[in-house]
């Protein structure tokens, strides 16, 4: 999470890099709801 990025950019980046494991960084400004929303887009449940 950062003011200069979007969740769409984040998803595209993770798709491009194609890691086996992704760790959240730059997430201190998110509350639990925001973190859960981003988690829903990434990982095994994410869109591709």
ModelCIF file with pLDDT and N, C-alpha, C, O atoms, coordinates in Angstrom:
data_MODEL
#
_entry.id   MODEL 
#
_entity.id                         1 
_entity.type                       polymer 
_entity.pdbx_number_of_molecules   1 
#
_entity_poly.entity_id                      1 
_entity_poly.type                           'polypeptide(L)' 
_entity_poly.nstd_linkage                   no 
_entity_poly.nstd_monomer                   no 
_entity_poly.pdbx_seq_one_letter_code       
;(UNK)(UNK)(UNK)(UNK)(UNK)(UNK)(UNK)(UNK)(UNK)(UNK)(UNK)(UNK)(UNK)(UNK)(UNK)(UNK)
(UNK)(UNK)(UNK)(UNK)(UNK)(UNK)(UNK)(UNK)(UNK)(UNK)(UNK)(UNK)(UNK)(UNK)(UNK)(UNK)
(UNK)(UNK)(UNK)(UNK)(UNK)(UNK)(UNK)(UNK)(UNK)(UNK)(UNK)(UNK)(UNK)(UNK)(UNK)(UNK)
;
_entity_poly.pdbx_seq_one_letter_code_can   XXXXXXXXXXXXXXXXXXXXXXXXXXXXXXXXXXXXXXXXXXXXXXXX 
_entity_poly.pdbx_strand_id                 A 
#
loop_
_entity_poly_seq.entity_id 
_entity_poly_seq.num 
_entity_poly_seq.mon_id 
_entity_poly_seq.hetero 
1 1  UNK n 
1 2  UNK n 
1 3  UNK n 
1 4  UNK n 
1 5  UNK n 
1 6  UNK n 
1 7  UNK n 
1 8  UNK n 
1 9  UNK n 
1 10 UNK n 
1 11 UNK n 
1 12 UNK n 
1 13 UNK n 
1 14 UNK n 
1 15 UNK n 
1 16 UNK n 
1 17 UNK n 
1 18 UNK n 
1 19 UNK n 
1 20 UNK n 
1 21 UNK n 
1 22 UNK n 
1 23 UNK n 
1 24 UNK n 
1 25 UNK n 
1 26 UNK n 
1 27 UNK n 
1 28 UNK n 
1 29 UNK n 
1 30 UNK n 
1 31 UNK n 
1 32 UNK n 
1 33 UNK n 
1 34 UNK n 
1 35 UNK n 
1 36 UNK n 
1 37 UNK n 
1 38 UNK n 
1 39 UNK n 
1 40 UNK n 
1 41 UNK n 
1 42 UNK n 
1 43 UNK n 
1 44 UNK n 
1 45 UNK n 
1 46 UNK n 
1 47 UNK n 
1 48 UNK n 
#
_struct_asym.id          A 
_struct_asym.entity_id   1 
#
loop_
_ma_qa_metric.id 
_ma_qa_metric.mode 
_ma_qa_metric.name 
_ma_qa_metric.software_group_id 
_ma_qa_metric.type 
1 global pLDDT . pLDDT 
2 local  pLDDT . pLDDT 
#
_ma_qa_metric_global.metric_id      1 
_ma_qa_metric_global.metric_value   83.15 
_ma_qa_metric_global.model_id       1 
_ma_qa_metric_global.ordinal_id     1 
#
loop_
_ma_qa_metric_local.label_asym_id 
_ma_qa_metric_local.label_comp_id 
_ma_qa_metric_local.label_seq_id 
_ma_qa_metric_local.metric_id 
_ma_qa_metric_local.metric_value 
_ma_qa_metric_local.model_id 
_ma_qa_metric_local.ordinal_id 
A UNK 1  2 80.00 1 1  
A UNK 2  2 81.00 1 2  
A UNK 3  2 81.00 1 3  
A UNK 4  2 84.00 1 4  
A UNK 5  2 84.00 1 5  
A UNK 6  2 87.00 1 6  
A UNK 7  2 84.00 1 7  
A UNK 8  2 87.00 1 8  
A UNK 9  2 89.00 1 9  
A UNK 10 2 85.00 1 10 
A UNK 11 2 85.00 1 11 
A UNK 12 2 88.00 1 12 
A UNK 13 2 87.00 1 13 
A UNK 14 2 85.00 1 14 
A UNK 15 2 85.00 1 15 
A UNK 16 2 89.00 1 16 
A UNK 17 2 88.00 1 17 
A UNK 18 2 86.00 1 18 
A UNK 19 2 86.00 1 19 
A UNK 20 2 86.00 1 20 
A UNK 21 2 87.00 1 21 
A UNK 22 2 86.00 1 22 
A UNK 23 2 88.00 1 23 
A UNK 24 2 85.00 1 24 
A UNK 25 2 82.00 1 25 
A UNK 26 2 81.00 1 26 
A UNK 27 2 84.00 1 27 
A UNK 28 2 83.00 1 28 
A UNK 29 2 83.00 1 29 
A UNK 30 2 86.00 1 30 
A UNK 31 2 89.00 1 31 
A UNK 32 2 89.00 1 32 
A UNK 33 2 92.00 1 33 
A UNK 34 2 86.00 1 34 
A UNK 35 2 86.00 1 35 
A UNK 36 2 86.00 1 36 
A UNK 37 2 85.00 1 37 
A UNK 38 2 83.00 1 38 
A UNK 39 2 83.00 1 39 
A UNK 40 2 83.00 1 40 
A UNK 41 2 83.00 1 41 
A UNK 42 2 80.00 1 42 
A UNK 43 2 67.00 1 43 
A UNK 44 2 70.00 1 44 
A UNK 45 2 68.00 1 45 
A UNK 46 2 71.00 1 46 
A UNK 47 2 71.00 1 47 
A UNK 48 2 67.00 1 48 
#
loop_
_atom_site.group_PDB 
_atom_site.id 
_atom_site.type_symbol 
_atom_site.label_atom_id 
_atom_site.label_alt_id 
_atom_site.label_comp_id 
_atom_site.label_asym_id 
_atom_site.label_entity_id 
_atom_site.label_seq_id 
_atom_site.pdbx_PDB_ins_code 
_atom_site.Cartn_x 
_atom_site.Cartn_y 
_atom_site.Cartn_z 
_atom_site.occupancy 
_atom_site.B_iso_or_equiv 
_atom_site.pdbx_formal_charge 
_atom_site.auth_seq_id 
_atom_site.auth_comp_id 
_atom_site.auth_asym_id 
_atom_site.auth_atom_id 
_atom_site.pdbx_PDB_model_num 
ATOM 1   N N  . UNK A 1 1  ? 0.851   -1.186  0.000   1.00 80.00 ? 1  UNK A N  1 
ATOM 2   C CA . UNK A 1 1  ? 0.000   0.000   0.000   1.00 80.00 ? 1  UNK A CA 1 
ATOM 3   C C  . UNK A 1 1  ? 0.883   1.231   0.000   1.00 80.00 ? 1  UNK A C  1 
ATOM 4   O O  . UNK A 1 1  ? 1.780   1.370   0.832   1.00 80.00 ? 1  UNK A O  1 
ATOM 5   N N  . UNK A 1 2  ? 0.621   2.115   -0.935  1.00 81.00 ? 2  UNK A N  1 
ATOM 6   C CA . UNK A 1 2  ? 1.367   3.362   -0.994  1.00 81.00 ? 2  UNK A CA 1 
ATOM 7   C C  . UNK A 1 2  ? 0.547   4.365   -1.792  1.00 81.00 ? 2  UNK A C  1 
ATOM 8   O O  . UNK A 1 2  ? -0.240  3.970   -2.653  1.00 81.00 ? 2  UNK A O  1 
ATOM 9   N N  . UNK A 1 3  ? 0.717   5.648   -1.524  1.00 81.00 ? 3  UNK A N  1 
ATOM 10  C CA . UNK A 1 3  ? -0.071  6.651   -2.237  1.00 81.00 ? 3  UNK A CA 1 
ATOM 11  C C  . UNK A 1 3  ? 0.208   6.687   -3.733  1.00 81.00 ? 3  UNK A C  1 
ATOM 12  O O  . UNK A 1 3  ? -0.598  7.222   -4.494  1.00 81.00 ? 3  UNK A O  1 
ATOM 13  N N  . UNK A 1 4  ? 1.328   6.132   -4.166  1.00 84.00 ? 4  UNK A N  1 
ATOM 14  C CA . UNK A 1 4  ? 1.692   6.184   -5.582  1.00 84.00 ? 4  UNK A CA 1 
ATOM 15  C C  . UNK A 1 4  ? 1.309   4.917   -6.348  1.00 84.00 ? 4  UNK A C  1 
ATOM 16  O O  . UNK A 1 4  ? 1.622   4.803   -7.532  1.00 84.00 ? 4  UNK A O  1 
ATOM 17  N N  . UNK A 1 5  ? 0.647   3.976   -5.704  1.00 84.00 ? 5  UNK A N  1 
ATOM 18  C CA . UNK A 1 5  ? 0.281   2.743   -6.403  1.00 84.00 ? 5  UNK A CA 1 
ATOM 19  C C  . UNK A 1 5  ? -1.197  2.432   -6.216  1.00 84.00 ? 5  UNK A C  1 
ATOM 20  O O  . UNK A 1 5  ? -1.883  3.028   -5.386  1.00 84.00 ? 5  UNK A O  1 
ATOM 21  N N  . UNK A 1 6  ? -1.657  1.486   -7.012  1.00 87.00 ? 6  UNK A N  1 
ATOM 22  C CA . UNK A 1 6  ? -3.032  1.010   -6.898  1.00 87.00 ? 6  UNK A CA 1 
ATOM 23  C C  . UNK A 1 6  ? -3.010  -0.498  -6.692  1.00 87.00 ? 6  UNK A C  1 
ATOM 24  O O  . UNK A 1 6  ? -1.994  -1.145  -6.947  1.00 87.00 ? 6  UNK A O  1 
ATOM 25  N N  . UNK A 1 7  ? -4.106  -1.052  -6.237  1.00 84.00 ? 7  UNK A N  1 
ATOM 26  C CA . UNK A 1 7  ? -4.186  -2.511  -6.066  1.00 84.00 ? 7  UNK A CA 1 
ATOM 27  C C  . UNK A 1 7  ? -3.999  -3.191  -7.419  1.00 84.00 ? 7  UNK A C  1 
ATOM 28  O O  . UNK A 1 7  ? -3.380  -4.251  -7.499  1.00 84.00 ? 7  UNK A O  1 
ATOM 29  N N  . UNK A 1 8  ? -4.528  -2.590  -8.477  1.00 87.00 ? 8  UNK A N  1 
ATOM 30  C CA . UNK A 1 8  ? -4.340  -3.154  -9.815  1.00 87.00 ? 8  UNK A CA 1 
ATOM 31  C C  . UNK A 1 8  ? -2.873  -3.239  -10.198 1.00 87.00 ? 8  UNK A C  1 
ATOM 32  O O  . UNK A 1 8  ? -2.427  -4.237  -10.764 1.00 87.00 ? 8  UNK A O  1 
ATOM 33  N N  . UNK A 1 9  ? -2.113  -2.174  -9.884  1.00 89.00 ? 9  UNK A N  1 
ATOM 34  C CA . UNK A 1 9  ? -0.669  -2.196  -10.146 1.00 89.00 ? 9  UNK A CA 1 
ATOM 35  C C  . UNK A 1 9  ? 0.006   -3.297  -9.334  1.00 89.00 ? 9  UNK A C  1 
ATOM 36  O O  . UNK A 1 9  ? 0.896   -3.986  -9.833  1.00 89.00 ? 9  UNK A O  1 
ATOM 37  N N  . UNK A 1 10 ? -0.411  -3.458  -8.101  1.00 85.00 ? 10 UNK A N  1 
ATOM 38  C CA . UNK A 1 10 ? 0.149   -4.478  -7.230  1.00 85.00 ? 10 UNK A CA 1 
ATOM 39  C C  . UNK A 1 10 ? -0.107  -5.879  -7.795  1.00 85.00 ? 10 UNK A C  1 
ATOM 40  O O  . UNK A 1 10 ? 0.802   -6.709  -7.846  1.00 85.00 ? 10 UNK A O  1 
ATOM 41  N N  . UNK A 1 11 ? -1.331  -6.132  -8.212  1.00 85.00 ? 11 UNK A N  1 
ATOM 42  C CA . UNK A 1 11 ? -1.672  -7.435  -8.791  1.00 85.00 ? 11 UNK A CA 1 
ATOM 43  C C  . UNK A 1 11 ? -0.853  -7.679  -10.053 1.00 85.00 ? 11 UNK A C  1 
ATOM 44  O O  . UNK A 1 11 ? -0.299  -8.764  -10.228 1.00 85.00 ? 11 UNK A O  1 
ATOM 45  N N  . UNK A 1 12 ? -0.770  -6.689  -10.930 1.00 88.00 ? 12 UNK A N  1 
ATOM 46  C CA . UNK A 1 12 ? 0.024   -6.836  -12.156 1.00 88.00 ? 12 UNK A CA 1 
ATOM 47  C C  . UNK A 1 12 ? 1.481   -7.133  -11.841 1.00 88.00 ? 12 UNK A C  1 
ATOM 48  O O  . UNK A 1 12 ? 2.101   -7.962  -12.506 1.00 88.00 ? 12 UNK A O  1 
ATOM 49  N N  . UNK A 1 13 ? 2.035   -6.463  -10.831 1.00 87.00 ? 13 UNK A N  1 
ATOM 50  C CA . UNK A 1 13 ? 3.433   -6.675  -10.448 1.00 87.00 ? 13 UNK A CA 1 
ATOM 51  C C  . UNK A 1 13 ? 3.651   -8.098  -9.948  1.00 87.00 ? 13 UNK A C  1 
ATOM 52  O O  . UNK A 1 13 ? 4.609   -8.761  -10.346 1.00 87.00 ? 13 UNK A O  1 
ATOM 53  N N  . UNK A 1 14 ? 2.763   -8.567  -9.075  1.00 85.00 ? 14 UNK A N  1 
ATOM 54  C CA . UNK A 1 14 ? 2.916   -9.923  -8.535  1.00 85.00 ? 14 UNK A CA 1 
ATOM 55  C C  . UNK A 1 14 ? 2.762   -10.950 -9.658  1.00 85.00 ? 14 UNK A C  1 
ATOM 56  O O  . UNK A 1 14 ? 3.480   -11.950 -9.674  1.00 85.00 ? 14 UNK A O  1 
ATOM 57  N N  . UNK A 1 15 ? 1.856   -10.728 -10.578 1.00 85.00 ? 15 UNK A N  1 
ATOM 58  C CA . UNK A 1 15 ? 1.720   -11.626 -11.727 1.00 85.00 ? 15 UNK A CA 1 
ATOM 59  C C  . UNK A 1 15 ? 3.002   -11.663 -12.548 1.00 85.00 ? 15 UNK A C  1 
ATOM 60  O O  . UNK A 1 15 ? 3.457   -12.734 -12.950 1.00 85.00 ? 15 UNK A O  1 
ATOM 61  N N  . UNK A 1 16 ? 3.583   -10.490 -12.798 1.00 89.00 ? 16 UNK A N  1 
ATOM 62  C CA . UNK A 1 16 ? 4.792   -10.405 -13.616 1.00 89.00 ? 16 UNK A CA 1 
ATOM 63  C C  . UNK A 1 16 ? 5.981   -11.084 -12.943 1.00 89.00 ? 16 UNK A C  1 
ATOM 64  O O  . UNK A 1 16 ? 6.727   -11.819 -13.590 1.00 89.00 ? 16 UNK A O  1 
ATOM 65  N N  . UNK A 1 17 ? 6.156   -10.839 -11.654 1.00 88.00 ? 17 UNK A N  1 
ATOM 66  C CA . UNK A 1 17 ? 7.289   -11.422 -10.928 1.00 88.00 ? 17 UNK A CA 1 
ATOM 67  C C  . UNK A 1 17 ? 7.078   -12.917 -10.686 1.00 88.00 ? 17 UNK A C  1 
ATOM 68  O O  . UNK A 1 17 ? 8.034   -13.692 -10.691 1.00 88.00 ? 17 UNK A O  1 
ATOM 69  N N  . UNK A 1 18 ? 5.835   -13.311 -10.476 1.00 86.00 ? 18 UNK A N  1 
ATOM 70  C CA . UNK A 1 18 ? 5.449   -14.713 -10.274 1.00 86.00 ? 18 UNK A CA 1 
ATOM 71  C C  . UNK A 1 18 ? 6.221   -15.400 -9.144  1.00 86.00 ? 18 UNK A C  1 
ATOM 72  O O  . UNK A 1 18 ? 6.816   -16.456 -9.359  1.00 86.00 ? 18 UNK A O  1 
ATOM 73  N N  . UNK A 1 19 ? 6.219   -14.813 -7.942  1.00 86.00 ? 19 UNK A N  1 
ATOM 74  C CA . UNK A 1 19 ? 6.927   -15.458 -6.834  1.00 86.00 ? 19 UNK A CA 1 
ATOM 75  C C  . UNK A 1 19 ? 6.140   -16.652 -6.302  1.00 86.00 ? 19 UNK A C  1 
ATOM 76  O O  . UNK A 1 19 ? 4.935   -16.764 -6.529  1.00 86.00 ? 19 UNK A O  1 
ATOM 77  N N  . UNK A 1 20 ? 6.830   -17.539 -5.596  1.00 86.00 ? 20 UNK A N  1 
ATOM 78  C CA . UNK A 1 20 ? 6.138   -18.643 -4.920  1.00 86.00 ? 20 UNK A CA 1 
ATOM 79  C C  . UNK A 1 20 ? 5.441   -18.122 -3.670  1.00 86.00 ? 20 UNK A C  1 
ATOM 80  O O  . UNK A 1 20 ? 4.368   -18.595 -3.297  1.00 86.00 ? 20 UNK A O  1 
ATOM 81  N N  . UNK A 1 21 ? 6.069   -17.139 -3.031  1.00 87.00 ? 21 UNK A N  1 
ATOM 82  C CA . UNK A 1 21 ? 5.542   -16.566 -1.799  1.00 87.00 ? 21 UNK A CA 1 
ATOM 83  C C  . UNK A 1 21 ? 5.656   -15.049 -1.877  1.00 87.00 ? 21 UNK A C  1 
ATOM 84  O O  . UNK A 1 21 ? 6.676   -14.522 -2.322  1.00 87.00 ? 21 UNK A O  1 
ATOM 85  N N  . UNK A 1 22 ? 4.612   -14.347 -1.447  1.00 86.00 ? 22 UNK A N  1 
ATOM 86  C CA . UNK A 1 22 ? 4.625   -12.887 -1.419  1.00 86.00 ? 22 UNK A CA 1 
ATOM 87  C C  . UNK A 1 22 ? 4.403   -12.424 0.016   1.00 86.00 ? 22 UNK A C  1 
ATOM 88  O O  . UNK A 1 22 ? 3.535   -12.943 0.718   1.00 86.00 ? 22 UNK A O  1 
ATOM 89  N N  . UNK A 1 23 ? 5.189   -11.453 0.443   1.00 88.00 ? 23 UNK A N  1 
ATOM 90  C CA . UNK A 1 23 ? 5.063   -10.886 1.784   1.00 88.00 ? 23 UNK A CA 1 
ATOM 91  C C  . UNK A 1 23 ? 4.627   -9.431  1.674   1.00 88.00 ? 23 UNK A C  1 
ATOM 92  O O  . UNK A 1 23 ? 5.111   -8.695  0.813   1.00 88.00 ? 23 UNK A O  1 
ATOM 93  N N  . UNK A 1 24 ? 3.731   -9.025  2.530   1.00 85.00 ? 24 UNK A N  1 
ATOM 94  C CA . UNK A 1 24 ? 3.265   -7.642  2.550   1.00 85.00 ? 24 UNK A CA 1 
ATOM 95  C C  . UNK A 1 24 ? 4.361   -6.737  3.087   1.00 85.00 ? 24 UNK A C  1 
ATOM 96  O O  . UNK A 1 24 ? 4.974   -7.028  4.114   1.00 85.00 ? 24 UNK A O  1 
ATOM 97  N N  . UNK A 1 25 ? 4.599   -5.653  2.395   1.00 82.00 ? 25 UNK A N  1 
ATOM 98  C CA . UNK A 1 25 ? 5.452   -4.579  2.883   1.00 82.00 ? 25 UNK A CA 1 
ATOM 99  C C  . UNK A 1 25 ? 4.713   -3.278  2.614   1.00 82.00 ? 25 UNK A C  1 
ATOM 100 O O  . UNK A 1 25 ? 3.828   -3.233  1.760   1.00 82.00 ? 25 UNK A O  1 
ATOM 101 N N  . UNK A 1 26 ? 5.061   -2.245  3.318   1.00 81.00 ? 26 UNK A N  1 
ATOM 102 C CA . UNK A 1 26 ? 4.430   -0.943  3.133   1.00 81.00 ? 26 UNK A CA 1 
ATOM 103 C C  . UNK A 1 26 ? 2.940   -1.007  3.456   1.00 81.00 ? 26 UNK A C  1 
ATOM 104 O O  . UNK A 1 26 ? 2.119   -0.453  2.724   1.00 81.00 ? 26 UNK A O  1 
ATOM 105 N N  . UNK A 1 27 ? 2.594   -1.674  4.538   1.00 84.00 ? 27 UNK A N  1 
ATOM 106 C CA . UNK A 1 27 ? 1.169   -1.838  4.860   1.00 84.00 ? 27 UNK A CA 1 
ATOM 107 C C  . UNK A 1 27 ? 0.783   -1.176  6.179   1.00 84.00 ? 27 UNK A C  1 
ATOM 108 O O  . UNK A 1 27 ? -0.312  -1.414  6.688   1.00 84.00 ? 27 UNK A O  1 
ATOM 109 N N  . UNK A 1 28 ? 1.655   -0.358  6.733   1.00 83.00 ? 28 UNK A N  1 
ATOM 110 C CA . UNK A 1 28 ? 1.386   0.250   8.030   1.00 83.00 ? 28 UNK A CA 1 
ATOM 111 C C  . UNK A 1 28 ? 0.218   1.224   8.039   1.00 83.00 ? 28 UNK A C  1 
ATOM 112 O O  . UNK A 1 28 ? -0.352  1.485   9.098   1.00 83.00 ? 28 UNK A O  1 
ATOM 113 N N  . UNK A 1 29 ? -0.153  1.770   6.879   1.00 83.00 ? 29 UNK A N  1 
ATOM 114 C CA . UNK A 1 29 ? -1.259  2.721   6.827   1.00 83.00 ? 29 UNK A CA 1 
ATOM 115 C C  . UNK A 1 29 ? -2.618  2.038   6.677   1.00 83.00 ? 29 UNK A C  1 
ATOM 116 O O  . UNK A 1 29 ? -3.652  2.706   6.695   1.00 83.00 ? 29 UNK A O  1 
ATOM 117 N N  . UNK A 1 30 ? -2.622  0.725   6.530   1.00 86.00 ? 30 UNK A N  1 
ATOM 118 C CA . UNK A 1 30 ? -3.887  -0.001  6.357   1.00 86.00 ? 30 UNK A CA 1 
ATOM 119 C C  . UNK A 1 30 ? -4.426  -0.479  7.700   1.00 86.00 ? 30 UNK A C  1 
ATOM 120 O O  . UNK A 1 30 ? -3.670  -0.959  8.546   1.00 86.00 ? 30 UNK A O  1 
ATOM 121 N N  . UNK A 1 31 ? -5.723  -0.346  7.889   1.00 89.00 ? 31 UNK A N  1 
ATOM 122 C CA . UNK A 1 31 ? -6.338  -0.963  9.058   1.00 89.00 ? 31 UNK A CA 1 
ATOM 123 C C  . UNK A 1 31 ? -6.643  -2.425  8.721   1.00 89.00 ? 31 UNK A C  1 
ATOM 124 O O  . UNK A 1 31 ? -6.326  -2.877  7.621   1.00 89.00 ? 31 UNK A O  1 
ATOM 125 N N  . UNK A 1 32 ? -7.241  -3.158  9.634   1.00 89.00 ? 32 UNK A N  1 
ATOM 126 C CA . UNK A 1 32 ? -7.499  -4.586  9.408   1.00 89.00 ? 32 UNK A CA 1 
ATOM 127 C C  . UNK A 1 32 ? -8.406  -4.826  8.206   1.00 89.00 ? 32 UNK A C  1 
ATOM 128 O O  . UNK A 1 32 ? -8.218  -5.801  7.478   1.00 89.00 ? 32 UNK A O  1 
ATOM 129 N N  . UNK A 1 33 ? -9.382  -3.955  7.989   1.00 92.00 ? 33 UNK A N  1 
ATOM 130 C CA . UNK A 1 33 ? -10.292 -4.119  6.849   1.00 92.00 ? 33 UNK A CA 1 
ATOM 131 C C  . UNK A 1 33 ? -9.533  -3.934  5.530   1.00 92.00 ? 33 UNK A C  1 
ATOM 132 O O  . UNK A 1 33 ? -9.681  -4.736  4.608   1.00 92.00 ? 33 UNK A O  1 
ATOM 133 N N  . UNK A 1 34 ? -8.728  -2.886  5.447   1.00 86.00 ? 34 UNK A N  1 
ATOM 134 C CA . UNK A 1 34 ? -7.952  -2.644  4.234   1.00 86.00 ? 34 UNK A CA 1 
ATOM 135 C C  . UNK A 1 34 ? -6.963  -3.757  3.956   1.00 86.00 ? 34 UNK A C  1 
ATOM 136 O O  . UNK A 1 34 ? -6.802  -4.170  2.808   1.00 86.00 ? 34 UNK A O  1 
ATOM 137 N N  . UNK A 1 35 ? -6.297  -4.250  4.992   1.00 86.00 ? 35 UNK A N  1 
ATOM 138 C CA . UNK A 1 35 ? -5.349  -5.346  4.820   1.00 86.00 ? 35 UNK A CA 1 
ATOM 139 C C  . UNK A 1 35 ? -6.058  -6.612  4.349   1.00 86.00 ? 35 UNK A C  1 
ATOM 140 O O  . UNK A 1 35 ? -5.534  -7.339  3.505   1.00 86.00 ? 35 UNK A O  1 
ATOM 141 N N  . UNK A 1 36 ? -7.237  -6.878  4.883   1.00 86.00 ? 36 UNK A N  1 
ATOM 142 C CA . UNK A 1 36 ? -8.000  -8.064  4.465   1.00 86.00 ? 36 UNK A CA 1 
ATOM 143 C C  . UNK A 1 36 ? -8.453  -7.935  3.013   1.00 86.00 ? 36 UNK A C  1 
ATOM 144 O O  . UNK A 1 36 ? -8.481  -8.923  2.280   1.00 86.00 ? 36 UNK A O  1 
ATOM 145 N N  . UNK A 1 37 ? -8.804  -6.729  2.599   1.00 85.00 ? 37 UNK A N  1 
ATOM 146 C CA . UNK A 1 37 ? -9.211  -6.530  1.208   1.00 85.00 ? 37 UNK A CA 1 
ATOM 147 C C  . UNK A 1 37 ? -8.059  -6.810  0.256   1.00 85.00 ? 37 UNK A C  1 
ATOM 148 O O  . UNK A 1 37 ? -8.234  -7.501  -0.747  1.00 85.00 ? 37 UNK A O  1 
ATOM 149 N N  . UNK A 1 38 ? -6.880  -6.276  0.567   1.00 83.00 ? 38 UNK A N  1 
ATOM 150 C CA . UNK A 1 38 ? -5.718  -6.510  -0.289  1.00 83.00 ? 38 UNK A CA 1 
ATOM 151 C C  . UNK A 1 38 ? -5.360  -7.991  -0.281  1.00 83.00 ? 38 UNK A C  1 
ATOM 152 O O  . UNK A 1 38 ? -5.011  -8.549  -1.321  1.00 83.00 ? 38 UNK A O  1 
ATOM 153 N N  . UNK A 1 39 ? -5.444  -8.629  0.877   1.00 83.00 ? 39 UNK A N  1 
ATOM 154 C CA . UNK A 1 39 ? -5.145  -10.063 0.964   1.00 83.00 ? 39 UNK A CA 1 
ATOM 155 C C  . UNK A 1 39 ? -6.073  -10.868 0.053   1.00 83.00 ? 39 UNK A C  1 
ATOM 156 O O  . UNK A 1 39 ? -5.661  -11.885 -0.504  1.00 83.00 ? 39 UNK A O  1 
ATOM 157 N N  . UNK A 1 40 ? -7.306  -10.425 -0.099  1.00 83.00 ? 40 UNK A N  1 
ATOM 158 C CA . UNK A 1 40 ? -8.242  -11.112 -0.977  1.00 83.00 ? 40 UNK A CA 1 
ATOM 159 C C  . UNK A 1 40 ? -7.847  -11.052 -2.443  1.00 83.00 ? 40 UNK A C  1 
ATOM 160 O O  . UNK A 1 40 ? -8.258  -11.900 -3.235  1.00 83.00 ? 40 UNK A O  1 
ATOM 161 N N  . UNK A 1 41 ? -7.049  -10.052 -2.807  1.00 83.00 ? 41 UNK A N  1 
ATOM 162 C CA . UNK A 1 41 ? -6.602  -9.933  -4.191  1.00 83.00 ? 41 UNK A CA 1 
ATOM 163 C C  . UNK A 1 41 ? -5.305  -10.680 -4.468  1.00 83.00 ? 41 UNK A C  1 
ATOM 164 O O  . UNK A 1 41 ? -4.970  -10.937 -5.624  1.00 83.00 ? 41 UNK A O  1 
ATOM 165 N N  . UNK A 1 42 ? -4.587  -11.025 -3.428  1.00 80.00 ? 42 UNK A N  1 
ATOM 166 C CA . UNK A 1 42 ? -3.294  -11.683 -3.600  1.00 80.00 ? 42 UNK A CA 1 
ATOM 167 C C  . UNK A 1 42 ? -3.358  -13.114 -3.094  1.00 80.00 ? 42 UNK A C  1 
ATOM 168 O O  . UNK A 1 42 ? -4.349  -13.536 -2.498  1.00 80.00 ? 42 UNK A O  1 
ATOM 169 N N  . UNK A 1 43 ? -2.298  -13.842 -3.341  1.00 67.00 ? 43 UNK A N  1 
ATOM 170 C CA . UNK A 1 43 ? -2.221  -15.200 -2.825  1.00 67.00 ? 43 UNK A CA 1 
ATOM 171 C C  . UNK A 1 43 ? -3.094  -16.181 -3.578  1.00 67.00 ? 43 UNK A C  1 
ATOM 172 O O  . UNK A 1 43 ? -3.527  -15.921 -4.700  1.00 67.00 ? 43 UNK A O  1 
ATOM 173 N N  . UNK A 1 44 ? -3.338  -17.281 -2.960  1.00 70.00 ? 44 UNK A N  1 
ATOM 174 C CA . UNK A 1 44 ? -4.034  -18.393 -3.612  1.00 70.00 ? 44 UNK A CA 1 
ATOM 175 C C  . UNK A 1 44 ? -5.464  -18.055 -4.003  1.00 70.00 ? 44 UNK A C  1 
ATOM 176 O O  . UNK A 1 44 ? -6.007  -18.661 -4.926  1.00 70.00 ? 44 UNK A O  1 
ATOM 177 N N  . UNK A 1 45 ? -6.085  -17.096 -3.316  1.00 68.00 ? 45 UNK A N  1 
ATOM 178 C CA . UNK A 1 45 ? -7.460  -16.714 -3.634  1.00 68.00 ? 45 UNK A CA 1 
ATOM 179 C C  . UNK A 1 45 ? -7.536  -15.573 -4.633  1.00 68.00 ? 45 UNK A C  1 
ATOM 180 O O  . UNK A 1 45 ? -8.620  -15.231 -5.105  1.00 68.00 ? 45 UNK A O  1 
ATOM 181 N N  . UNK A 1 46 ? -6.407  -14.988 -4.954  1.00 71.00 ? 46 UNK A N  1 
ATOM 182 C CA . UNK A 1 46 ? -6.392  -13.813 -5.816  1.00 71.00 ? 46 UNK A CA 1 
ATOM 183 C C  . UNK A 1 46 ? -6.693  -14.133 -7.264  1.00 71.00 ? 46 UNK A C  1 
ATOM 184 O O  . UNK A 1 46 ? -6.690  -15.297 -7.665  1.00 71.00 ? 46 UNK A O  1 
ATOM 185 N N  . UNK A 1 47 ? -6.955  -13.096 -8.053  1.00 71.00 ? 47 UNK A N  1 
ATOM 186 C CA . UNK A 1 47 ? -7.304  -13.275 -9.462  1.00 71.00 ? 47 UNK A CA 1 
ATOM 187 C C  . UNK A 1 47 ? -6.093  -13.611 -10.327 1.00 71.00 ? 47 UNK A C  1 
ATOM 188 O O  . UNK A 1 47 ? -5.474  -12.727 -10.920 1.00 71.00 ? 47 UNK A O  1 
ATOM 189 N N  . UNK A 1 48 ? -5.771  -14.880 -10.389 1.00 67.00 ? 48 UNK A N  1 
ATOM 190 C CA . UNK A 1 48 ? -4.657  -15.308 -11.218 1.00 67.00 ? 48 UNK A CA 1 
ATOM 191 C C  . UNK A 1 48 ? -3.298  -15.049 -10.629 1.00 67.00 ? 48 UNK A C  1 
ATOM 192 O O  . UNK A 1 48 ? -2.285  -15.374 -11.248 1.00 67.00 ? 48 UNK A O  1 
#
